[in-house]
Amino acid sequence: MTLQQLEYIMAVYRHKHFAKAAEACNVTQPTLSSMIQKLEEELGVKIFDRKRQPVLPTPIGQNVIDQGWEILQHAKQLKESVEEEKHSLRGTFHVGILPTIAPYLIPRFFPQLMQRHPELDIRIREMQTHEIKQALLHGDIDVGILAKLDGMDDFETSHLFFEQFFGYVAKGDPLYINKVIHTSDLKGEYLWMLDEGHCFRDQLVKFCQLQGAKQSQKAYSLGSIETFMRMVESGKGMTFIPELAIFQLADSQKELVRPFAIPIPTRDIVVINNKDFVRATVRRLLIEEIQKAVPVDMLKLKQVQQRV
């Protein structure tokens, strides 16, 4: 029995498909299948019922998977604790990050971090909040970068920066003439908003009292902030953008940006990880690099801001 074999059965268990598991493990399907079959022969049991689609474990196979996961977690912690004792940056470090943060934050610090620390192998995946929490619990990622919300008490949380929300308003929209946006101005607006389940949307719906947006025919759900911005630029409605997005806008696009009236809705961007996490050196470096990459005035909450 090897750790590699245990990693392969965990991949099949998560993906419920041999080909997808092989792709995730960066090996061929025959290689993965052969290694799992050898483990089954060694143990004298069938771990997976290959006749079912999606592939599911047998009852005794589930027991093997549960214990195998514990072994892999202990092995990972052992290696990571040794690296941490050496204050080493070596090894692969997996980061999950919200899609409403990634395109505006990653370009500000990641290329420079990789240039200064070529020995550090960081893998970044865009994920929603519930996916980040699940991935942390499963050991699929090491840390998550997301907006702080209630229900994170099971994780260790480290503050990164505060980020205001802004309105992005089409020139043909009645709100375009406003210097600031009041929440009362949003009734009846054509609002381009993210799907339910995105914390970016949920925080704004709560702050702006837009609970009726789901039923409103004037509230449209598409895929991304960037898509909504293109819709606004085409001349219709408004959407919401995070503060870091403004730094990527051309002058003509900045003309469409409108701040909120006081209190300004603001999200707290944090790093979270499991409480038994040991790679503190890498996490500390990540926090330092991110905080150096954002404007200084975003590091603390201002009196005119309200955390949402």
C-alpha atoms as a PDB file:
ATOM      1  CA  MET A   1       0.000   0.000   0.000  1.00  0.00           C
ATOM      2  CA  THR A   2       1.329   3.449  -0.949  1.00  0.00           C
ATOM      3  CA  LEU A   3       0.228   7.031  -0.365  1.00  0.00           C
ATOM      4  CA  GLN A   4      -0.051   7.396  -4.142  1.00  0.00           C
ATOM      5  CA  GLN A   5      -2.634   4.615  -4.269  1.00  0.00           C
ATOM      6  CA  LEU A   6      -4.615   6.276  -1.481  1.00  0.00           C
ATOM      7  CA  GLU A   7      -4.533   9.583  -3.375  1.00  0.00           C
ATOM      8  CA  TYR A   8      -5.888   7.838  -6.459  1.00  0.00           C
ATOM      9  CA  ILE A   9      -8.828   6.266  -4.615  1.00  0.00           C
ATOM     10  CA  MET A  10      -9.616   9.650  -3.032  1.00  0.00           C
ATOM     11  CA  ALA A  11      -9.651  11.228  -6.507  1.00  0.00           C
ATOM     12  CA  VAL A  12     -12.077   8.609  -7.825  1.00  0.00           C
ATOM     13  CA  TYR A  13     -14.243   9.032  -4.739  1.00  0.00           C
ATOM     14  CA  ARG A  14     -14.472  12.801  -5.240  1.00  0.00           C
ATOM     15  CA  HIS A  15     -14.927  12.837  -9.000  1.00  0.00           C
ATOM     16  CA  LYS A  16     -17.031   9.620  -9.128  1.00  0.00           C
ATOM     17  CA  HIS A  17     -15.384   8.917 -12.469  1.00  0.00           C
ATOM     18  CA  PHE A  18     -12.097   7.177 -13.326  1.00  0.00           C
ATOM     19  CA  ALA A  19     -11.207   9.348 -16.328  1.00  0.00           C
ATOM     20  CA  LYS A  20     -11.873  12.610 -14.459  1.00  0.00           C
ATOM     21  CA  ALA A  21      -9.910  11.339 -11.454  1.00  0.00           C
ATOM     22  CA  ALA A  22      -6.953  10.453 -13.686  1.00  0.00           C
ATOM     23  CA  GLU A  23      -7.040  13.905 -15.267  1.00  0.00           C
ATOM     24  CA  ALA A  24      -7.088  15.546 -11.820  1.00  0.00           C
ATOM     25  CA  CYS A  25      -4.096  13.424 -10.756  1.00  0.00           C
ATOM     26  CA  ASN A  26      -2.283  14.192 -14.023  1.00  0.00           C
ATOM     27  CA  VAL A  27      -1.872  10.508 -14.956  1.00  0.00           C
ATOM     28  CA  THR A  28      -3.403   8.271 -17.602  1.00  0.00           C
ATOM     29  CA  GLN A  29      -6.577   6.380 -16.773  1.00  0.00           C
ATOM     30  CA  PRO A  30      -4.897   2.939 -17.235  1.00  0.00           C
ATOM     31  CA  THR A  31      -2.194   3.952 -14.745  1.00  0.00           C
ATOM     32  CA  LEU A  32      -4.719   5.106 -12.141  1.00  0.00           C
ATOM     33  CA  SER A  33      -6.971   2.063 -12.662  1.00  0.00           C
ATOM     34  CA  SER A  34      -4.027  -0.341 -12.426  1.00  0.00           C
ATOM     35  CA  MET A  35      -2.764   1.189  -9.170  1.00  0.00           C
ATOM     36  CA  ILE A  36      -6.233   1.013  -7.595  1.00  0.00           C
ATOM     37  CA  GLN A  37      -6.678  -2.572  -8.782  1.00  0.00           C
ATOM     38  CA  LYS A  38      -3.347  -3.558  -7.177  1.00  0.00           C
ATOM     39  CA  LEU A  39      -4.497  -2.048  -3.885  1.00  0.00           C
ATOM     40  CA  GLU A  40      -7.776  -3.949  -4.113  1.00  0.00           C
ATOM     41  CA  GLU A  41      -5.862  -7.173  -4.724  1.00  0.00           C
ATOM     42  CA  GLU A  42      -3.569  -6.479  -1.769  1.00  0.00           C
ATOM     43  CA  LEU A  43      -6.518  -5.832   0.551  1.00  0.00           C
ATOM     44  CA  GLY A  44      -8.679  -8.581  -0.952  1.00  0.00           C
ATOM     45  CA  VAL A  45     -11.696  -6.282  -1.399  1.00  0.00           C
ATOM     46  CA  LYS A  46     -13.407  -4.240  -4.094  1.00  0.00           C
ATOM     47  CA  ILE A  47     -13.168  -0.558  -3.204  1.00  0.00           C
ATOM     48  CA  PHE A  48     -15.407   0.698  -6.023  1.00  0.00           C
ATOM     49  CA  ASP A  49     -18.484  -0.667  -7.760  1.00  0.00           C
ATOM     50  CA  ARG A  50     -17.421  -0.128 -11.370  1.00  0.00           C
ATOM     51  CA  LYS A  51     -20.814  -1.238 -12.724  1.00  0.00           C
ATOM     52  CA  ARG A  52     -22.520   1.882 -11.368  1.00  0.00           C
ATOM     53  CA  GLN A  53     -22.452   5.325 -12.917  1.00  0.00           C
ATOM     54  CA  PRO A  54     -21.420   7.547 -11.312  1.00  0.00           C
ATOM     55  CA  VAL A  55     -18.790   5.311  -9.718  1.00  0.00           C
ATOM     56  CA  LEU A  56     -19.495   4.739  -6.020  1.00  0.00           C
ATOM     57  CA  PRO A  57     -17.583   2.915  -3.288  1.00  0.00           C
ATOM     58  CA  THR A  58     -18.696  -0.451  -1.966  1.00  0.00           C
ATOM     59  CA  PRO A  59     -19.639  -0.554   1.742  1.00  0.00           C
ATOM     60  CA  ILE A  60     -16.207  -1.911   2.692  1.00  0.00           C
ATOM     61  CA  GLY A  61     -14.637   0.454   0.162  1.00  0.00           C
ATOM     62  CA  GLN A  62     -16.137   3.405   2.031  1.00  0.00           C
ATOM     63  CA  ASN A  63     -14.340   2.181   5.145  1.00  0.00           C
ATOM     64  CA  VAL A  64     -11.055   2.048   3.203  1.00  0.00           C
ATOM     65  CA  ILE A  65     -11.651   5.578   1.888  1.00  0.00           C
ATOM     66  CA  ASP A  66     -12.439   6.987   5.340  1.00  0.00           C
ATOM     67  CA  GLN A  67      -9.283   5.530   6.879  1.00  0.00           C
ATOM     68  CA  GLY A  68      -7.220   6.359   3.795  1.00  0.00           C
ATOM     69  CA  TRP A  69      -8.221  10.003   4.045  1.00  0.00           C
ATOM     70  CA  GLU A  70      -7.046  10.089   7.673  1.00  0.00           C
ATOM     71  CA  ILE A  71      -3.697   8.557   6.657  1.00  0.00           C
ATOM     72  CA  LEU A  72      -3.220  11.109   3.875  1.00  0.00           C
ATOM     73  CA  GLN A  73      -4.034  13.992   6.216  1.00  0.00           C
ATOM     74  CA  HIS A  74      -1.506  12.769   8.787  1.00  0.00           C
ATOM     75  CA  ALA A  75       1.148  12.290   6.092  1.00  0.00           C
ATOM     76  CA  LYS A  76       0.507  15.774   4.707  1.00  0.00           C
ATOM     77  CA  GLN A  77       0.707  17.323   8.164  1.00  0.00           C
ATOM     78  CA  LEU A  78       3.960  15.508   8.862  1.00  0.00           C
ATOM     79  CA  LYS A  79       5.614  16.849   5.716  1.00  0.00           C
ATOM     80  CA  GLU A  80       4.241  20.340   6.233  1.00  0.00           C
ATOM     81  CA  SER A  81       5.329  20.514   9.877  1.00  0.00           C
ATOM     82  CA  VAL A  82       8.886  19.614   8.826  1.00  0.00           C
ATOM     83  CA  GLU A  83       8.873  22.327   6.150  1.00  0.00           C
ATOM     84  CA  GLU A  84       7.483  24.828   8.645  1.00  0.00           C
ATOM     85  CA  GLU A  85      10.213  24.015  11.179  1.00  0.00           C
ATOM     86  CA  LYS A  86      12.702  24.967   8.472  1.00  0.00           C
ATOM     87  CA  HIS A  87      10.650  28.099   7.601  1.00  0.00           C
ATOM     88  CA  SER A  88      10.676  26.724   4.079  1.00  0.00           C
ATOM     89  CA  LEU A  89       8.602  28.027   1.180  1.00  0.00           C
ATOM     90  CA  ARG A  90       8.987  24.817  -0.804  1.00  0.00           C
ATOM     91  CA  GLY A  91       6.095  22.593  -1.706  1.00  0.00           C
ATOM     92  CA  THR A  92       2.775  23.195  -3.413  1.00  0.00           C
ATOM     93  CA  PHE A  93       0.406  25.684  -1.778  1.00  0.00           C
ATOM     94  CA  HIS A  94      -3.241  25.629  -2.913  1.00  0.00           C
ATOM     95  CA  VAL A  95      -5.348  28.805  -2.696  1.00  0.00           C
ATOM     96  CA  GLY A  96      -9.086  29.148  -3.291  1.00  0.00           C
ATOM     97  CA  ILE A  97     -10.353  32.652  -4.087  1.00  0.00           C
ATOM     98  CA  LEU A  98     -13.707  34.248  -4.896  1.00  0.00           C
ATOM     99  CA  PRO A  99     -14.340  35.066  -8.588  1.00  0.00           C
ATOM    100  CA  THR A 100     -15.338  38.603  -7.508  1.00  0.00           C
ATOM    101  CA  ILE A 101     -11.868  39.106  -5.963  1.00  0.00           C
ATOM    102  CA  ALA A 102      -9.497  37.133  -8.192  1.00  0.00           C
ATOM    103  CA  PRO A 103      -9.359  39.202 -11.436  1.00  0.00           C
ATOM    104  CA  TYR A 104      -8.710  42.432  -9.544  1.00  0.00           C
ATOM    105  CA  LEU A 105      -6.382  41.215  -6.775  1.00  0.00           C
ATOM    106  CA  ILE A 106      -4.286  38.418  -8.342  1.00  0.00           C
ATOM    107  CA  PRO A 107      -2.594  40.624 -11.010  1.00  0.00           C
ATOM    108  CA  ARG A 108      -1.564  43.121  -8.302  1.00  0.00           C
ATOM    109  CA  PHE A 109       0.640  40.739  -6.311  1.00  0.00           C
ATOM    110  CA  PHE A 110       0.972  37.275  -7.845  1.00  0.00           C
ATOM    111  CA  PRO A 111       3.490  37.919 -10.687  1.00  0.00           C
ATOM    112  CA  GLN A 112       5.778  39.840  -8.323  1.00  0.00           C
ATOM    113  CA  LEU A 113       5.510  37.131  -5.648  1.00  0.00           C
ATOM    114  CA  MET A 114       6.479  34.422  -8.124  1.00  0.00           C
ATOM    115  CA  GLN A 115       9.414  36.482  -9.352  1.00  0.00           C
ATOM    116  CA  ARG A 116      10.754  37.096  -5.842  1.00  0.00           C
ATOM    117  CA  HIS A 117      10.144  33.533  -4.626  1.00  0.00           C
ATOM    118  CA  PRO A 118      10.547  31.095  -7.547  1.00  0.00           C
ATOM    119  CA  GLU A 119      10.776  28.185  -5.109  1.00  0.00           C
ATOM    120  CA  LEU A 120       7.174  28.779  -4.032  1.00  0.00           C
ATOM    121  CA  ASP A 121       4.601  26.791  -6.040  1.00  0.00           C
ATOM    122  CA  ILE A 122       1.178  28.419  -5.561  1.00  0.00           C
ATOM    123  CA  ARG A 123      -1.873  26.960  -7.318  1.00  0.00           C
ATOM    124  CA  ILE A 124      -4.926  29.240  -7.471  1.00  0.00           C
ATOM    125  CA  ARG A 125      -8.548  28.177  -8.077  1.00  0.00           C
ATOM    126  CA  GLU A 126     -11.575  30.439  -8.332  1.00  0.00           C
ATOM    127  CA  MET A 127     -14.321  29.126  -6.056  1.00  0.00           C
ATOM    128  CA  GLN A 128     -17.460  30.379  -4.342  1.00  0.00           C
ATOM    129  CA  THR A 129     -17.616  30.689  -0.554  1.00  0.00           C
ATOM    130  CA  HIS A 130     -19.284  27.338   0.137  1.00  0.00           C
ATOM    131  CA  GLU A 131     -16.814  25.610  -2.201  1.00  0.00           C
ATOM    132  CA  ILE A 132     -13.847  27.168  -0.372  1.00  0.00           C
ATOM    133  CA  LYS A 133     -15.153  25.949   2.990  1.00  0.00           C
ATOM    134  CA  GLN A 134     -15.741  22.456   1.627  1.00  0.00           C
ATOM    135  CA  ALA A 135     -12.311  22.333  -0.032  1.00  0.00           C
ATOM    136  CA  LEU A 136     -10.618  23.371   3.228  1.00  0.00           C
ATOM    137  CA  LEU A 137     -12.413  20.645   5.163  1.00  0.00           C
ATOM    138  CA  HIS A 138     -11.458  18.045   2.517  1.00  0.00           C
ATOM    139  CA  GLY A 139      -7.837  19.212   2.414  1.00  0.00           C
ATOM    140  CA  ASP A 140      -8.091  20.182  -1.279  1.00  0.00           C
ATOM    141  CA  ILE A 141      -6.804  23.713  -0.631  1.00  0.00           C
ATOM    142  CA  ASP A 142      -4.604  25.234   2.060  1.00  0.00           C
ATOM    143  CA  VAL A 143      -6.198  28.674   2.408  1.00  0.00           C
ATOM    144  CA  GLY A 144      -9.124  30.631   1.022  1.00  0.00           C
ATOM    145  CA  ILE A 145      -9.359  34.320   0.132  1.00  0.00           C
ATOM    146  CA  LEU A 146     -12.919  35.565   0.456  1.00  0.00           C
ATOM    147  CA  ALA A 147     -15.248  38.128   2.024  1.00  0.00           C
ATOM    148  CA  LYS A 148     -15.774  37.634   5.742  1.00  0.00           C
ATOM    149  CA  LEU A 149     -19.243  36.368   6.613  1.00  0.00           C
ATOM    150  CA  ASP A 150     -21.015  34.864   9.591  1.00  0.00           C
ATOM    151  CA  GLY A 151     -20.458  31.142  10.026  1.00  0.00           C
ATOM    152  CA  MET A 152     -16.663  31.082   9.763  1.00  0.00           C
ATOM    153  CA  ASP A 153     -15.997  30.254  13.425  1.00  0.00           C
ATOM    154  CA  ASP A 154     -14.680  26.794  12.510  1.00  0.00           C
ATOM    155  CA  PHE A 155     -11.771  28.396  10.635  1.00  0.00           C
ATOM    156  CA  GLU A 156      -8.854  30.640  11.527  1.00  0.00           C
ATOM    157  CA  THR A 157      -9.332  34.064   9.937  1.00  0.00           C
ATOM    158  CA  SER A 158      -6.718  36.719   9.093  1.00  0.00           C
ATOM    159  CA  HIS A 159      -7.690  40.190   7.851  1.00  0.00           C
ATOM    160  CA  LEU A 160      -6.343  41.384   4.484  1.00  0.00           C
ATOM    161  CA  PHE A 161      -8.132  44.635   3.537  1.00  0.00           C
ATOM    162  CA  PHE A 162     -11.480  46.415   3.355  1.00  0.00           C
ATOM    163  CA  GLU A 163     -13.094  46.989  -0.026  1.00  0.00           C
ATOM    164  CA  GLN A 164     -15.937  49.375  -0.847  1.00  0.00           C
ATOM    165  CA  PHE A 165     -18.772  48.627  -3.253  1.00  0.00           C
ATOM    166  CA  PHE A 166     -19.430  51.097  -6.077  1.00  0.00           C
ATOM    167  CA  GLY A 167     -22.225  51.582  -8.559  1.00  0.00           C
ATOM    168  CA  TYR A 168     -21.473  51.317 -12.291  1.00  0.00           C
ATOM    169  CA  VAL A 169     -24.162  53.289 -14.125  1.00  0.00           C
ATOM    170  CA  ALA A 170     -25.020  53.562 -17.827  1.00  0.00           C
ATOM    171  CA  LYS A 171     -25.025  57.054 -19.330  1.00  0.00           C
ATOM    172  CA  GLY A 172     -28.657  56.629 -20.318  1.00  0.00           C
ATOM    173  CA  ASP A 173     -29.733  55.662 -16.798  1.00  0.00           C
ATOM    174  CA  PRO A 174     -31.503  58.238 -14.551  1.00  0.00           C
ATOM    175  CA  LEU A 175     -28.900  57.580 -11.820  1.00  0.00           C
ATOM    176  CA  TYR A 176     -26.077  58.763 -14.075  1.00  0.00           C
ATOM    177  CA  ILE A 177     -26.685  62.378 -13.065  1.00  0.00           C
ATOM    178  CA  ASN A 178     -26.336  61.505  -9.355  1.00  0.00           C
ATOM    179  CA  LYS A 179     -22.999  62.172  -7.680  1.00  0.00           C
ATOM    180  CA  VAL A 180     -23.660  59.444  -5.110  1.00  0.00           C
ATOM    181  CA  ILE A 181     -26.058  56.511  -4.886  1.00  0.00           C
ATOM    182  CA  HIS A 182     -28.539  56.139  -2.035  1.00  0.00           C
ATOM    183  CA  THR A 183     -30.120  52.752  -1.453  1.00  0.00           C
ATOM    184  CA  SER A 184     -33.522  54.362  -1.939  1.00  0.00           C
ATOM    185  CA  ASP A 185     -32.454  55.276  -5.500  1.00  0.00           C
ATOM    186  CA  LEU A 186     -32.272  51.598  -6.493  1.00  0.00           C
ATOM    187  CA  LYS A 187     -35.982  50.842  -6.493  1.00  0.00           C
ATOM    188  CA  GLY A 188     -37.129  50.133 -10.023  1.00  0.00           C
ATOM    189  CA  GLU A 189     -33.617  50.220 -11.483  1.00  0.00           C
ATOM    190  CA  TYR A 190     -32.408  47.780 -14.129  1.00  0.00           C
ATOM    191  CA  LEU A 191     -29.936  45.935 -11.916  1.00  0.00           C
ATOM    192  CA  TRP A 192     -27.456  43.532 -13.440  1.00  0.00           C
ATOM    193  CA  MET A 193     -26.683  41.176 -10.558  1.00  0.00           C
ATOM    194  CA  LEU A 194     -24.854  37.934  -9.917  1.00  0.00           C
ATOM    195  CA  ASP A 195     -26.764  34.717  -9.354  1.00  0.00           C
ATOM    196  CA  GLU A 196     -27.982  33.899  -5.871  1.00  0.00           C
ATOM    197  CA  GLY A 197     -25.343  32.194  -3.769  1.00  0.00           C
ATOM    198  CA  HIS A 198     -22.595  34.688  -4.615  1.00  0.00           C
ATOM    199  CA  CYS A 199     -21.736  36.490  -1.365  1.00  0.00           C
ATOM    200  CA  PHE A 200     -21.057  39.650  -3.412  1.00  0.00           C
ATOM    201  CA  ARG A 201     -24.717  39.692  -4.455  1.00  0.00           C
ATOM    202  CA  ASP A 202     -26.031  38.533  -1.076  1.00  0.00           C
ATOM    203  CA  GLN A 203     -24.222  41.314   0.801  1.00  0.00           C
ATOM    204  CA  LEU A 204     -25.566  44.011  -1.533  1.00  0.00           C
ATOM    205  CA  VAL A 205     -29.113  42.634  -1.533  1.00  0.00           C
ATOM    206  CA  LYS A 206     -29.085  42.747   2.264  1.00  0.00           C
ATOM    207  CA  PHE A 207     -27.496  46.211   2.557  1.00  0.00           C
ATOM    208  CA  CYS A 208     -29.601  47.824  -0.182  1.00  0.00           C
ATOM    209  CA  GLN A 209     -32.793  46.040   0.902  1.00  0.00           C
ATOM    210  CA  LEU A 210     -33.192  44.491  -2.531  1.00  0.00           C
ATOM    211  CA  GLN A 211     -34.951  41.339  -1.346  1.00  0.00           C
ATOM    212  CA  GLY A 212     -37.503  41.874  -4.106  1.00  0.00           C
ATOM    213  CA  ALA A 213     -34.800  41.758  -6.780  1.00  0.00           C
ATOM    214  CA  LYS A 214     -35.340  38.031  -7.219  1.00  0.00           C
ATOM    215  CA  GLN A 215     -38.936  38.562  -8.241  1.00  0.00           C
ATOM    216  CA  SER A 216     -38.397  41.790 -10.143  1.00  0.00           C
ATOM    217  CA  GLN A 217     -38.418  41.503 -13.929  1.00  0.00           C
ATOM    218  CA  LYS A 218     -35.856  44.276 -13.937  1.00  0.00           C
ATOM    219  CA  ALA A 219     -33.247  42.215 -12.046  1.00  0.00           C
ATOM    220  CA  TYR A 220     -31.229  40.057 -14.392  1.00  0.00           C
ATOM    221  CA  SER A 221     -28.849  37.245 -13.411  1.00  0.00           C
ATOM    222  CA  LEU A 222     -25.900  36.433 -15.656  1.00  0.00           C
ATOM    223  CA  GLY A 223     -22.425  35.169 -14.983  1.00  0.00           C
ATOM    224  CA  SER A 224     -19.777  37.694 -14.027  1.00  0.00           C
ATOM    225  CA  ILE A 225     -19.133  41.290 -13.012  1.00  0.00           C
ATOM    226  CA  GLU A 226     -17.243  41.851 -16.257  1.00  0.00           C
ATOM    227  CA  THR A 227     -20.295  40.764 -18.273  1.00  0.00           C
ATOM    228  CA  PHE A 228     -22.504  43.190 -16.352  1.00  0.00           C
ATOM    229  CA  MET A 229     -20.043  46.024 -16.936  1.00  0.00           C
ATOM    230  CA  ARG A 230     -20.231  45.465 -20.686  1.00  0.00           C
ATOM    231  CA  MET A 231     -24.050  45.595 -20.470  1.00  0.00           C
ATOM    232  CA  VAL A 232     -23.877  48.928 -18.623  1.00  0.00           C
ATOM    233  CA  GLU A 233     -21.369  50.305 -21.139  1.00  0.00           C
ATOM    234  CA  SER A 234     -23.789  49.387 -23.913  1.00  0.00           C
ATOM    235  CA  GLY A 235     -26.197  51.889 -22.380  1.00  0.00           C
ATOM    236  CA  LYS A 236     -28.620  50.062 -20.105  1.00  0.00           C
ATOM    237  CA  GLY A 237     -29.045  49.864 -16.319  1.00  0.00           C
ATOM    238  CA  MET A 238     -26.457  49.616 -13.572  1.00  0.00           C
ATOM    239  CA  THR A 239     -24.411  47.037 -11.714  1.00  0.00           C
ATOM    240  CA  PHE A 240     -22.092  46.917  -8.711  1.00  0.00           C
ATOM    241  CA  ILE A 241     -18.310  46.621  -8.773  1.00  0.00           C
ATOM    242  CA  PRO A 242     -15.642  46.165  -6.076  1.00  0.00           C
ATOM    243  CA  GLU A 243     -13.149  48.919  -5.325  1.00  0.00           C
ATOM    244  CA  LEU A 244     -10.091  47.182  -6.807  1.00  0.00           C
ATOM    245  CA  ALA A 245     -11.875  46.898 -10.164  1.00  0.00           C
ATOM    246  CA  ILE A 246     -11.738  50.689 -10.552  1.00  0.00           C
ATOM    247  CA  PHE A 247      -7.950  50.661 -10.873  1.00  0.00           C
ATOM    248  CA  GLN A 248      -8.288  48.626 -14.088  1.00  0.00           C
ATOM    249  CA  LEU A 249     -10.745  51.030 -15.752  1.00  0.00           C
ATOM    250  CA  ALA A 250     -10.010  53.457 -18.560  1.00  0.00           C
ATOM    251  CA  ASP A 251     -10.918  57.123 -18.020  1.00  0.00           C
ATOM    252  CA  SER A 252     -14.089  56.738 -20.096  1.00  0.00           C
ATOM    253  CA  GLN A 253     -15.180  53.814 -17.900  1.00  0.00           C
ATOM    254  CA  LYS A 254     -14.435  55.696 -14.664  1.00  0.00           C
ATOM    255  CA  GLU A 255     -17.061  58.248 -15.734  1.00  0.00           C
ATOM    256  CA  LEU A 256     -19.673  55.536 -15.080  1.00  0.00           C
ATOM    257  CA  VAL A 257     -18.550  54.889 -11.483  1.00  0.00           C
ATOM    258  CA  ARG A 258     -20.673  56.272  -8.639  1.00  0.00           C
ATOM    259  CA  PRO A 259     -19.883  55.899  -4.911  1.00  0.00           C
ATOM    260  CA  PHE A 260     -22.524  55.019  -2.354  1.00  0.00           C
ATOM    261  CA  ALA A 261     -23.742  57.610   0.121  1.00  0.00           C
ATOM    262  CA  ILE A 262     -22.600  57.278   3.739  1.00  0.00           C
ATOM    263  CA  PRO A 263     -22.570  54.687   5.244  1.00  0.00           C
ATOM    264  CA  ILE A 264     -20.615  53.153   2.372  1.00  0.00           C
ATOM    265  CA  PRO A 265     -21.119  49.375   2.050  1.00  0.00           C
ATOM    266  CA  THR A 266     -17.759  47.669   2.506  1.00  0.00           C
ATOM    267  CA  ARG A 267     -16.648  44.042   2.568  1.00  0.00           C
ATOM    268  CA  ASP A 268     -13.885  42.637   4.776  1.00  0.00           C
ATOM    269  CA  ILE A 269     -11.511  40.517   2.650  1.00  0.00           C
ATOM    270  CA  VAL A 270      -9.825  37.790   4.689  1.00  0.00           C
ATOM    271  CA  VAL A 271      -7.669  34.689   4.467  1.00  0.00           C
ATOM    272  CA  ILE A 272      -9.148  31.597   6.138  1.00  0.00           C
ATOM    273  CA  ASN A 273      -7.622  28.213   6.885  1.00  0.00           C
ATOM    274  CA  ASN A 274      -8.213  25.203   9.101  1.00  0.00           C
ATOM    275  CA  LYS A 275      -7.262  25.667  12.756  1.00  0.00           C
ATOM    276  CA  ASP A 276      -4.699  22.852  12.572  1.00  0.00           C
ATOM    277  CA  PHE A 277      -2.941  24.499   9.611  1.00  0.00           C
ATOM    278  CA  VAL A 278       0.850  24.478  10.027  1.00  0.00           C
ATOM    279  CA  ARG A 279       2.316  26.363   7.044  1.00  0.00           C
ATOM    280  CA  ALA A 280       2.282  29.701   8.875  1.00  0.00           C
ATOM    281  CA  THR A 281       5.392  30.963   7.060  1.00  0.00           C
ATOM    282  CA  VAL A 282       3.753  30.710   3.634  1.00  0.00           C
ATOM    283  CA  ARG A 283       0.475  32.177   4.881  1.00  0.00           C
ATOM    284  CA  ARG A 284       2.299  35.095   6.502  1.00  0.00           C
ATOM    285  CA  LEU A 285       4.199  35.795   3.284  1.00  0.00           C
ATOM    286  CA  LEU A 286       0.950  35.670   1.285  1.00  0.00           C
ATOM    287  CA  ILE A 287      -0.732  38.154   3.635  1.00  0.00           C
ATOM    288  CA  GLU A 288       2.245  40.529   3.554  1.00  0.00           C
ATOM    289  CA  GLU A 289       2.451  40.497  -0.250  1.00  0.00           C
ATOM    290  CA  ILE A 290      -1.275  41.121  -0.661  1.00  0.00           C
ATOM    291  CA  GLN A 291      -1.333  43.979   1.847  1.00  0.00           C
ATOM    292  CA  LYS A 292       1.663  45.617   0.153  1.00  0.00           C
ATOM    293  CA  ALA A 293      -0.132  45.369  -3.207  1.00  0.00           C
ATOM    294  CA  VAL A 294      -3.366  47.158  -2.244  1.00  0.00           C
ATOM    295  CA  PRO A 295      -3.694  50.895  -1.481  1.00  0.00           C
ATOM    296  CA  VAL A 296      -2.769  51.726   2.113  1.00  0.00           C
ATOM    297  CA  ASP A 297      -6.138  53.358   2.811  1.00  0.00           C
ATOM    298  CA  MET A 298      -7.861  50.007   2.178  1.00  0.00           C
ATOM    299  CA  LEU A 299      -6.142  48.300   5.111  1.00  0.00           C
ATOM    300  CA  LYS A 300      -8.364  49.853   7.798  1.00  0.00           C
ATOM    301  CA  LEU A 301     -12.112  50.436   8.069  1.00  0.00           C
ATOM    302  CA  LYS A 302     -13.016  54.131   7.756  1.00  0.00           C
ATOM    303  CA  GLN A 303     -15.696  55.835   9.861  1.00  0.00           C
ATOM    304  CA  VAL A 304     -17.800  56.466   6.749  1.00  0.00           C
ATOM    305  CA  GLN A 305     -17.808  52.756   5.852  1.00  0.00           C
ATOM    306  CA  GLN A 306     -20.170  50.058   7.032  1.00  0.00           C
ATOM    307  CA  ARG A 307     -19.058  46.429   6.976  1.00  0.00           C
ATOM    308  CA  VAL A 308     -21.637  44.230   5.226  1.00  0.00           C
END
